[in-house]
Amino acid sequence: MLKLKILVLMFLLSNQLFGIDVLVTKVDINYKELVNLEDLYKSNVTSVKKFCEPVDENDFKTTKYRASRYLKKGTILCKKDLDKDKNNSVLFNFGSIQIERPGKIIFENDEYIRIKREDGQVEKIYKDGRIE
C-alpha cells in the first residue's frame, strides 16, 4: 500500500516536470485590442494544440502586441493569435500646437484631412484646427 502511494505521488510530481508553460487570458480580449501582461496569467499544461506555438512572457517585455482575433477568457495564447503593434498615428501641426491622433490618413486636400480611427470611424479635421 505504501508503494502505491509513493508511486501515485511520483506520477503527480513528474507530470508537472513534463508540462509546458503557457500564457492564458484572464479576461475577454477584443479584436485589435492591445494585449498586456495584466490581462494574462501563467499556467502549466501537459499539451497544446498541434499548430499552437505558445507565447513567452519575455516577448511582451520587448514589443507590444494586438489581438489578431477575439480571445475568450481562458484561451491559451499562441503566436498566431497576436500581431505586432504598428504605431499608426497622424501628427497635426498647427504652428505652435501639435496634436497626434491614432489612425491613418484616408484623404487629404487643401481644406481638411480625413483619418480612419482604430475603431473604424472616419474623422474629418480641418487644417485650421476645426473638428467636424
N, C-alpha and C. Protein backbone atom coordinates (compact mmCIF):
# COMPACT_ATOMS: atom_id res chain seq x y z
N MET A 1 0.82 -1.20 0.00
CA MET A 1 0.00 0.00 0.00
C MET A 1 0.86 1.26 0.00
N LEU A 2 1.95 1.25 0.74
CA LEU A 2 2.85 2.38 0.80
C LEU A 2 3.51 2.62 -0.56
N LYS A 3 3.86 1.51 -1.22
CA LYS A 3 4.47 1.63 -2.55
C LYS A 3 3.50 2.27 -3.55
N LEU A 4 2.23 1.95 -3.42
CA LEU A 4 1.22 2.53 -4.30
C LEU A 4 1.08 4.03 -4.08
N LYS A 5 1.10 4.46 -2.82
CA LYS A 5 1.02 5.89 -2.51
C LYS A 5 2.23 6.63 -3.04
N ILE A 6 3.40 6.03 -2.88
CA ILE A 6 4.63 6.67 -3.37
C ILE A 6 4.60 6.74 -4.90
N LEU A 7 4.11 5.68 -5.53
CA LEU A 7 4.01 5.66 -6.99
C LEU A 7 3.07 6.74 -7.50
N VAL A 8 1.91 6.91 -6.86
CA VAL A 8 0.97 7.95 -7.26
C VAL A 8 1.57 9.33 -7.04
N LEU A 9 2.25 9.53 -5.93
CA LEU A 9 2.90 10.81 -5.65
C LEU A 9 3.98 11.11 -6.68
N MET A 10 4.76 10.12 -7.05
CA MET A 10 5.81 10.32 -8.07
C MET A 10 5.19 10.66 -9.42
N PHE A 11 4.07 10.01 -9.75
CA PHE A 11 3.39 10.29 -11.01
C PHE A 11 2.90 11.72 -11.06
N LEU A 12 2.30 12.21 -9.97
CA LEU A 12 1.79 13.58 -9.94
C LEU A 12 2.92 14.60 -10.03
N LEU A 13 4.03 14.33 -9.37
CA LEU A 13 5.16 15.26 -9.43
C LEU A 13 5.84 15.24 -10.79
N SER A 14 5.96 14.08 -11.40
CA SER A 14 6.61 14.01 -12.71
C SER A 14 5.72 14.60 -13.80
N ASN A 15 4.42 14.62 -13.60
CA ASN A 15 3.50 15.21 -14.56
C ASN A 15 3.80 16.70 -14.73
N GLN A 16 4.13 17.37 -13.64
CA GLN A 16 4.47 18.79 -13.71
C GLN A 16 5.82 19.02 -14.39
N LEU A 17 6.72 18.06 -14.35
CA LEU A 17 8.03 18.21 -14.98
C LEU A 17 7.92 18.26 -16.50
N PHE A 18 6.97 17.52 -17.06
CA PHE A 18 6.83 17.47 -18.50
C PHE A 18 5.81 18.47 -19.02
N GLY A 19 5.36 19.37 -18.19
CA GLY A 19 4.38 20.37 -18.59
C GLY A 19 5.00 21.49 -19.40
N ILE A 20 4.15 22.25 -20.05
CA ILE A 20 4.56 23.38 -20.88
C ILE A 20 4.02 24.66 -20.24
N ASP A 21 4.88 25.65 -20.05
CA ASP A 21 4.44 26.93 -19.51
C ASP A 21 3.80 27.75 -20.62
N VAL A 22 2.57 28.17 -20.41
CA VAL A 22 1.84 28.97 -21.39
C VAL A 22 1.22 30.18 -20.70
N LEU A 23 0.80 31.15 -21.52
CA LEU A 23 0.07 32.31 -21.02
C LEU A 23 -1.40 32.13 -21.38
N VAL A 24 -2.28 32.36 -20.40
CA VAL A 24 -3.71 32.18 -20.58
C VAL A 24 -4.39 33.51 -20.29
N THR A 25 -5.46 33.81 -21.03
CA THR A 25 -6.16 35.08 -20.86
C THR A 25 -7.03 35.07 -19.62
N LYS A 26 -6.98 36.18 -18.86
CA LYS A 26 -7.82 36.35 -17.66
C LYS A 26 -9.20 36.88 -18.03
N VAL A 27 -9.23 37.73 -19.06
CA VAL A 27 -10.47 38.39 -19.47
C VAL A 27 -10.64 38.22 -20.98
N ASP A 28 -11.83 38.53 -21.47
CA ASP A 28 -12.06 38.53 -22.91
C ASP A 28 -11.25 39.66 -23.55
N ILE A 29 -10.59 39.36 -24.65
CA ILE A 29 -9.79 40.36 -25.36
C ILE A 29 -10.40 40.53 -26.74
N ASN A 30 -10.78 41.74 -27.08
CA ASN A 30 -11.43 42.03 -28.36
C ASN A 30 -10.43 42.03 -29.50
N TYR A 31 -10.97 41.95 -30.71
CA TYR A 31 -10.17 42.00 -31.93
C TYR A 31 -9.45 43.34 -32.02
N LYS A 32 -8.18 43.33 -32.33
CA LYS A 32 -7.31 44.50 -32.49
C LYS A 32 -7.08 45.25 -31.17
N GLU A 33 -7.41 44.64 -30.05
CA GLU A 33 -7.17 45.27 -28.75
C GLU A 33 -5.73 45.00 -28.33
N LEU A 34 -5.12 45.98 -27.64
CA LEU A 34 -3.77 45.84 -27.15
C LEU A 34 -3.75 44.81 -26.03
N VAL A 35 -2.83 43.83 -26.12
CA VAL A 35 -2.74 42.76 -25.13
C VAL A 35 -1.62 43.11 -24.16
N ASN A 36 -1.94 43.16 -22.85
CA ASN A 36 -0.98 43.46 -21.81
C ASN A 36 -0.76 42.24 -20.94
N LEU A 37 0.34 42.23 -20.20
CA LEU A 37 0.60 41.13 -19.28
C LEU A 37 -0.40 41.10 -18.14
N GLU A 38 -1.04 42.23 -17.84
CA GLU A 38 -2.04 42.27 -16.78
C GLU A 38 -3.28 41.47 -17.16
N ASP A 39 -3.51 41.28 -18.46
CA ASP A 39 -4.67 40.53 -18.95
C ASP A 39 -4.39 39.02 -19.02
N LEU A 40 -3.17 38.61 -18.66
CA LEU A 40 -2.77 37.21 -18.82
C LEU A 40 -2.25 36.65 -17.50
N TYR A 41 -2.27 35.33 -17.40
CA TYR A 41 -1.61 34.67 -16.28
C TYR A 41 -0.87 33.44 -16.81
N LYS A 42 0.13 33.01 -16.04
CA LYS A 42 0.97 31.90 -16.44
C LYS A 42 0.37 30.61 -15.92
N SER A 43 0.40 29.57 -16.76
CA SER A 43 -0.16 28.28 -16.39
C SER A 43 0.74 27.18 -16.93
N ASN A 44 0.62 25.99 -16.37
CA ASN A 44 1.39 24.84 -16.80
C ASN A 44 0.42 23.79 -17.32
N VAL A 45 0.54 23.43 -18.60
CA VAL A 45 -0.34 22.44 -19.21
C VAL A 45 0.50 21.29 -19.76
N THR A 46 -0.14 20.14 -19.95
CA THR A 46 0.59 18.98 -20.45
C THR A 46 0.75 19.00 -21.97
N SER A 47 -0.22 19.59 -22.68
CA SER A 47 -0.10 19.65 -24.14
C SER A 47 -0.87 20.85 -24.67
N VAL A 48 -0.51 21.26 -25.88
CA VAL A 48 -1.21 22.33 -26.58
C VAL A 48 -1.63 21.80 -27.95
N LYS A 49 -2.43 22.57 -28.65
CA LYS A 49 -2.89 22.14 -29.98
C LYS A 49 -1.70 22.02 -30.93
N LYS A 50 -1.91 21.29 -31.99
CA LYS A 50 -0.84 20.94 -32.93
C LYS A 50 -0.15 22.17 -33.54
N PHE A 51 -0.93 23.16 -33.95
CA PHE A 51 -0.36 24.31 -34.65
C PHE A 51 -0.17 25.52 -33.74
N CYS A 52 -0.25 25.31 -32.44
CA CYS A 52 -0.12 26.42 -31.49
C CYS A 52 1.31 26.49 -30.99
N GLU A 53 1.96 27.62 -31.23
CA GLU A 53 3.28 27.88 -30.67
C GLU A 53 3.08 28.87 -29.53
N PRO A 54 3.20 28.42 -28.27
CA PRO A 54 2.88 29.29 -27.13
C PRO A 54 3.77 30.52 -27.06
N VAL A 55 3.19 31.62 -26.60
CA VAL A 55 3.89 32.88 -26.46
C VAL A 55 4.61 32.89 -25.12
N ASP A 56 5.80 33.44 -25.11
CA ASP A 56 6.58 33.54 -23.89
C ASP A 56 6.37 34.90 -23.23
N GLU A 57 6.53 34.96 -21.94
CA GLU A 57 6.35 36.21 -21.19
C GLU A 57 7.39 37.25 -21.60
N ASN A 58 8.58 36.81 -22.00
CA ASN A 58 9.64 37.74 -22.40
C ASN A 58 9.30 38.49 -23.69
N ASP A 59 8.45 37.91 -24.53
CA ASP A 59 8.05 38.58 -25.77
C ASP A 59 7.31 39.89 -25.48
N PHE A 60 6.54 39.93 -24.40
CA PHE A 60 5.77 41.12 -24.06
C PHE A 60 6.64 42.22 -23.47
N LYS A 61 7.80 41.87 -22.98
CA LYS A 61 8.70 42.87 -22.40
C LYS A 61 9.39 43.70 -23.48
N THR A 62 9.55 43.12 -24.68
CA THR A 62 10.27 43.82 -25.74
C THR A 62 9.35 44.53 -26.73
N THR A 63 8.19 43.94 -27.05
CA THR A 63 7.30 44.54 -28.05
C THR A 63 5.86 44.55 -27.55
N LYS A 64 5.04 45.38 -28.21
CA LYS A 64 3.62 45.43 -27.91
C LYS A 64 2.87 44.62 -28.96
N TYR A 65 1.81 43.96 -28.53
CA TYR A 65 1.04 43.10 -29.43
C TYR A 65 -0.44 43.48 -29.39
N ARG A 66 -1.12 43.24 -30.52
CA ARG A 66 -2.56 43.38 -30.64
C ARG A 66 -3.15 42.01 -30.99
N ALA A 67 -4.37 41.79 -30.56
CA ALA A 67 -5.03 40.51 -30.83
C ALA A 67 -5.42 40.43 -32.30
N SER A 68 -5.12 39.32 -32.95
CA SER A 68 -5.49 39.15 -34.36
C SER A 68 -6.86 38.50 -34.49
N ARG A 69 -7.47 38.14 -33.36
CA ARG A 69 -8.82 37.59 -33.34
C ARG A 69 -9.39 37.82 -31.95
N TYR A 70 -10.67 37.55 -31.77
CA TYR A 70 -11.30 37.66 -30.47
C TYR A 70 -10.83 36.50 -29.59
N LEU A 71 -10.35 36.81 -28.38
CA LEU A 71 -9.85 35.79 -27.47
C LEU A 71 -10.75 35.71 -26.25
N LYS A 72 -11.36 34.54 -26.04
CA LYS A 72 -12.23 34.35 -24.89
C LYS A 72 -11.39 34.16 -23.63
N LYS A 73 -12.01 34.39 -22.49
CA LYS A 73 -11.37 34.18 -21.20
C LYS A 73 -10.97 32.71 -21.08
N GLY A 74 -9.72 32.44 -20.68
CA GLY A 74 -9.24 31.08 -20.51
C GLY A 74 -8.58 30.49 -21.74
N THR A 75 -8.38 31.28 -22.79
CA THR A 75 -7.75 30.80 -24.02
C THR A 75 -6.24 30.80 -23.88
N ILE A 76 -5.60 29.72 -24.32
CA ILE A 76 -4.14 29.67 -24.34
C ILE A 76 -3.67 30.57 -25.48
N LEU A 77 -2.71 31.44 -25.20
CA LEU A 77 -2.24 32.43 -26.17
C LEU A 77 -1.17 31.84 -27.07
N CYS A 78 -1.42 31.85 -28.37
CA CYS A 78 -0.48 31.35 -29.38
C CYS A 78 0.09 32.54 -30.16
N LYS A 79 1.19 32.31 -30.85
CA LYS A 79 1.80 33.39 -31.64
C LYS A 79 0.92 33.81 -32.81
N LYS A 80 0.11 32.89 -33.35
CA LYS A 80 -0.76 33.24 -34.47
C LYS A 80 -1.94 34.11 -34.03
N ASP A 81 -2.20 34.16 -32.71
CA ASP A 81 -3.29 34.98 -32.18
C ASP A 81 -2.89 36.44 -32.00
N LEU A 82 -1.61 36.75 -32.20
CA LEU A 82 -1.10 38.10 -31.94
C LEU A 82 -0.45 38.69 -33.17
N ASP A 83 -0.59 40.01 -33.32
CA ASP A 83 0.12 40.77 -34.34
C ASP A 83 0.93 41.84 -33.64
N LYS A 84 2.09 42.16 -34.19
CA LYS A 84 2.88 43.24 -33.60
C LYS A 84 2.14 44.55 -33.80
N ASP A 85 2.21 45.39 -32.77
CA ASP A 85 1.52 46.67 -32.81
C ASP A 85 2.29 47.64 -33.68
N LYS A 86 1.62 48.16 -34.70
CA LYS A 86 2.20 49.18 -35.55
C LYS A 86 1.68 50.52 -35.07
N ASN A 87 2.55 51.46 -34.87
CA ASN A 87 2.14 52.76 -34.36
C ASN A 87 1.57 53.58 -35.51
N ASN A 88 0.28 53.39 -35.79
CA ASN A 88 -0.41 54.16 -36.82
C ASN A 88 -0.98 55.40 -36.18
N SER A 89 -0.30 56.51 -36.38
CA SER A 89 -0.81 57.77 -35.83
C SER A 89 -0.57 58.89 -36.83
N VAL A 90 -1.40 59.90 -36.73
CA VAL A 90 -1.33 61.06 -37.61
C VAL A 90 -0.95 62.26 -36.76
N LEU A 91 0.04 63.01 -37.20
CA LEU A 91 0.52 64.18 -36.46
C LEU A 91 0.02 65.44 -37.17
N PHE A 92 -0.75 66.25 -36.45
CA PHE A 92 -1.25 67.52 -36.98
C PHE A 92 -0.39 68.63 -36.41
N ASN A 93 0.14 69.49 -37.28
CA ASN A 93 0.98 70.58 -36.85
C ASN A 93 0.26 71.89 -37.15
N PHE A 94 -0.24 72.55 -36.09
CA PHE A 94 -0.95 73.82 -36.23
C PHE A 94 -0.07 74.97 -35.74
N GLY A 95 1.14 75.03 -36.21
CA GLY A 95 2.05 76.09 -35.79
C GLY A 95 2.70 75.72 -34.46
N SER A 96 2.27 76.37 -33.39
CA SER A 96 2.88 76.11 -32.09
C SER A 96 2.25 74.90 -31.39
N ILE A 97 1.14 74.41 -31.90
CA ILE A 97 0.46 73.26 -31.28
C ILE A 97 0.56 72.06 -32.21
N GLN A 98 0.95 70.91 -31.63
CA GLN A 98 0.98 69.66 -32.38
C GLN A 98 0.05 68.67 -31.70
N ILE A 99 -0.78 68.01 -32.51
CA ILE A 99 -1.71 67.03 -31.99
C ILE A 99 -1.45 65.71 -32.70
N GLU A 100 -1.36 64.63 -31.93
CA GLU A 100 -1.16 63.30 -32.51
C GLU A 100 -2.40 62.47 -32.24
N ARG A 101 -2.98 61.90 -33.29
CA ARG A 101 -4.18 61.09 -33.19
C ARG A 101 -3.89 59.70 -33.72
N PRO A 102 -4.39 58.66 -33.05
CA PRO A 102 -4.23 57.31 -33.61
C PRO A 102 -5.13 57.11 -34.82
N GLY A 103 -4.60 56.51 -35.86
CA GLY A 103 -5.36 56.27 -37.08
C GLY A 103 -4.46 56.42 -38.30
N LYS A 104 -5.08 56.39 -39.48
CA LYS A 104 -4.31 56.59 -40.70
C LYS A 104 -5.07 57.53 -41.64
N ILE A 105 -4.32 58.22 -42.47
CA ILE A 105 -4.90 59.21 -43.38
C ILE A 105 -5.58 58.49 -44.54
N ILE A 106 -6.84 58.86 -44.79
CA ILE A 106 -7.59 58.31 -45.92
C ILE A 106 -7.57 59.29 -47.08
N PHE A 107 -7.80 60.58 -46.78
CA PHE A 107 -7.92 61.59 -47.82
C PHE A 107 -7.37 62.91 -47.28
N GLU A 108 -6.74 63.67 -48.15
CA GLU A 108 -6.21 64.98 -47.75
C GLU A 108 -6.32 65.94 -48.93
N ASN A 109 -6.78 67.16 -48.65
CA ASN A 109 -6.76 68.22 -49.65
C ASN A 109 -6.34 69.52 -48.95
N ASP A 110 -6.56 70.67 -49.60
CA ASP A 110 -6.12 71.95 -49.02
C ASP A 110 -6.94 72.36 -47.80
N GLU A 111 -8.18 71.89 -47.70
CA GLU A 111 -9.07 72.31 -46.61
C GLU A 111 -9.02 71.40 -45.40
N TYR A 112 -9.05 70.10 -45.61
CA TYR A 112 -9.20 69.17 -44.48
C TYR A 112 -8.46 67.86 -44.74
N ILE A 113 -8.39 67.05 -43.66
CA ILE A 113 -7.80 65.72 -43.71
C ILE A 113 -8.83 64.75 -43.13
N ARG A 114 -9.01 63.63 -43.79
CA ARG A 114 -9.88 62.57 -43.25
C ARG A 114 -8.99 61.45 -42.75
N ILE A 115 -9.22 61.05 -41.49
CA ILE A 115 -8.47 59.93 -40.94
C ILE A 115 -9.45 58.84 -40.50
N LYS A 116 -8.99 57.62 -40.56
CA LYS A 116 -9.78 56.48 -40.09
C LYS A 116 -9.18 56.05 -38.76
N ARG A 117 -9.99 56.15 -37.71
CA ARG A 117 -9.52 55.80 -36.37
C ARG A 117 -9.44 54.29 -36.23
N GLU A 118 -8.83 53.83 -35.12
CA GLU A 118 -8.65 52.41 -34.89
C GLU A 118 -9.98 51.67 -34.72
N ASP A 119 -11.01 52.39 -34.25
CA ASP A 119 -12.30 51.74 -34.06
C ASP A 119 -13.13 51.72 -35.35
N GLY A 120 -12.60 52.27 -36.45
CA GLY A 120 -13.26 52.21 -37.74
C GLY A 120 -14.00 53.46 -38.14
N GLN A 121 -14.17 54.42 -37.22
CA GLN A 121 -14.88 55.64 -37.55
C GLN A 121 -13.99 56.59 -38.34
N VAL A 122 -14.61 57.32 -39.25
CA VAL A 122 -13.89 58.29 -40.07
C VAL A 122 -14.06 59.67 -39.44
N GLU A 123 -12.95 60.37 -39.30
CA GLU A 123 -12.97 61.69 -38.66
C GLU A 123 -12.43 62.71 -39.65
N LYS A 124 -13.09 63.86 -39.71
CA LYS A 124 -12.71 64.93 -40.63
C LYS A 124 -12.14 66.07 -39.79
N ILE A 125 -10.90 66.44 -40.03
CA ILE A 125 -10.25 67.52 -39.29
C ILE A 125 -9.79 68.57 -40.29
N TYR A 126 -10.28 69.78 -40.09
CA TYR A 126 -9.92 70.88 -40.98
C TYR A 126 -8.52 71.38 -40.64
N LYS A 127 -7.83 71.91 -41.62
CA LYS A 127 -6.45 72.34 -41.43
C LYS A 127 -6.31 73.60 -40.60
N ASP A 128 -7.42 74.31 -40.39
CA ASP A 128 -7.36 75.47 -39.50
C ASP A 128 -7.64 75.09 -38.04
N GLY A 129 -7.82 73.78 -37.75
CA GLY A 129 -7.97 73.32 -36.39
C GLY A 129 -9.37 72.87 -36.01
N ARG A 130 -10.37 73.13 -36.84
CA ARG A 130 -11.73 72.71 -36.52
C ARG A 130 -11.87 71.22 -36.68
N ILE A 131 -12.76 70.62 -35.87
CA ILE A 131 -13.08 69.21 -36.00
C ILE A 131 -14.56 69.11 -36.30
N GLU A 132 -14.89 68.35 -37.33
CA GLU A 132 -16.30 68.23 -37.70
C GLU A 132 -16.64 66.80 -38.01
